[in-house]
Protein backbone atom coordinates (compact mmCIF):
# COMPACT_ATOMS: atom_id res chain seq x y z
CA UNK A 1 0.00 0.00 0.00
CA UNK A 2 2.87 2.39 0.76
CA UNK A 3 4.39 1.93 -2.70
CA UNK A 4 0.99 2.65 -4.28
CA UNK A 5 0.66 5.85 -2.26
CA UNK A 6 4.17 6.86 -3.23
CA UNK A 7 3.46 6.20 -6.91
CA UNK A 8 0.20 8.21 -6.85
CA UNK A 9 1.84 11.05 -4.94
CA UNK A 10 4.77 11.17 -7.37
CA UNK A 11 2.44 11.21 -10.37
CA UNK A 12 0.30 13.94 -8.83
CA UNK A 13 3.37 16.05 -8.06
CA UNK A 14 4.65 15.64 -11.61
CA UNK A 15 1.30 16.72 -13.07
CA UNK A 16 0.98 19.70 -10.75
CA UNK A 17 4.62 20.78 -11.14
CA UNK A 18 4.47 21.10 -14.93
CA UNK A 19 2.47 24.36 -15.01
CA UNK A 20 4.51 25.74 -12.11
CA UNK A 21 7.77 24.98 -13.93
CA UNK A 22 6.62 26.84 -17.03
CA UNK A 23 5.80 29.90 -14.93
CA UNK A 24 9.00 29.65 -12.91
CA UNK A 25 11.16 29.48 -16.06
CA UNK A 26 10.34 32.72 -17.89
CA UNK A 27 11.07 33.35 -21.53
CA UNK A 28 14.60 34.19 -22.55
CA UNK A 29 13.89 37.89 -23.11
CA UNK A 30 12.33 38.34 -19.69
CA UNK A 31 15.21 36.57 -17.97
CA UNK A 32 17.54 39.14 -19.48
CA UNK A 33 15.31 41.82 -17.97
CA UNK A 34 15.58 40.58 -14.43
CA UNK A 35 17.05 43.27 -12.22
CA UNK A 36 20.58 42.28 -11.28
CA UNK A 37 21.55 42.28 -7.63
CA UNK A 38 23.21 45.55 -6.79
CA UNK A 39 26.02 45.86 -4.33
CA UNK A 40 25.71 48.27 -1.44
CA UNK A 41 27.91 50.79 -3.24
CA UNK A 42 25.91 50.58 -6.48
CA UNK A 43 22.65 51.02 -4.60
CA UNK A 44 23.95 54.01 -2.63
CA UNK A 45 25.37 55.63 -5.78
CA UNK A 46 22.08 55.22 -7.66
CA UNK A 47 20.12 56.61 -4.70
CA UNK A 48 22.35 59.66 -4.50
CA UNK A 49 22.24 60.12 -8.27
CA UNK A 50 18.45 60.19 -8.09
CA UNK A 51 18.76 63.12 -5.68
CA UNK A 52 20.80 65.12 -8.19
CA UNK A 53 24.32 65.66 -9.45
CA UNK A 54 25.48 67.95 -6.61
CA UNK A 55 24.31 65.40 -4.04
CA UNK A 56 26.09 62.60 -5.91
CA UNK A 57 29.33 64.57 -6.06
CA UNK A 58 29.24 65.44 -2.37
CA UNK A 59 28.44 61.80 -1.50
CA UNK A 60 31.37 60.57 -3.57
CA UNK A 61 33.72 63.14 -2.05
CA UNK A 62 32.66 62.12 1.47
CA UNK A 63 32.84 58.36 0.92
CA UNK A 64 35.74 58.05 -1.54
CA UNK A 65 38.19 56.88 1.16
CA UNK A 66 35.69 54.22 2.26
CA UNK A 67 34.16 52.93 -1.00
CA UNK A 68 37.06 53.81 -3.33
CA UNK A 69 34.60 55.05 -5.98
CA UNK A 70 35.36 58.14 -8.01
CA UNK A 71 32.96 60.18 -10.11
CA UNK A 72 33.97 58.55 -13.40
CA UNK A 73 33.38 55.05 -11.97
CA UNK A 74 30.02 56.11 -10.54
CA UNK A 75 28.97 57.52 -13.91
CA UNK A 76 30.04 54.27 -15.59
CA UNK A 77 27.93 52.28 -13.08
CA UNK A 78 24.91 54.46 -13.73
CA UNK A 79 25.37 54.30 -17.51
CA UNK A 80 25.62 50.50 -17.42
CA UNK A 81 22.43 50.25 -15.36
CA UNK A 82 20.64 52.63 -17.72
CA UNK A 83 21.82 50.64 -20.75
CA UNK A 84 20.55 47.37 -19.23
CA UNK A 85 17.20 49.03 -18.51
CA UNK A 86 16.97 50.41 -22.08
CA UNK A 87 17.81 47.01 -23.59
CA UNK A 88 15.14 45.42 -21.42
CA UNK A 89 12.55 47.97 -22.47
CA UNK A 90 13.48 47.48 -26.13
CA UNK A 91 13.28 43.70 -25.81
CA UNK A 92 9.92 43.81 -24.05
CA UNK A 93 8.50 46.31 -26.56
CA UNK A 94 9.50 44.27 -29.62
CA UNK A 95 6.90 41.71 -30.77
CA UNK A 96 7.58 38.03 -30.17
CA UNK A 97 9.13 36.28 -33.15
CA UNK A 98 7.24 33.03 -32.55
């Protein structure tokens, strides 16, 4: 009886897991659009950049000995994040080629 229960339970799990697996594994274009994990420094730089350029500059001047990030590196981080976001928006706006 135990082996029958195990067989039925395994079959039921396989049937129920199929739709979940298709939802859990998104299409290739949407996986490229997943937000990458940001480090503490990247998050702080983007938060300060959202407050304005003078605030970003003063933040970088204050924390440069700690984080070792200069203005040119911060701008490169922000440009890379903006480029990823633009590519994602372009990929999601283009029609599916199926």
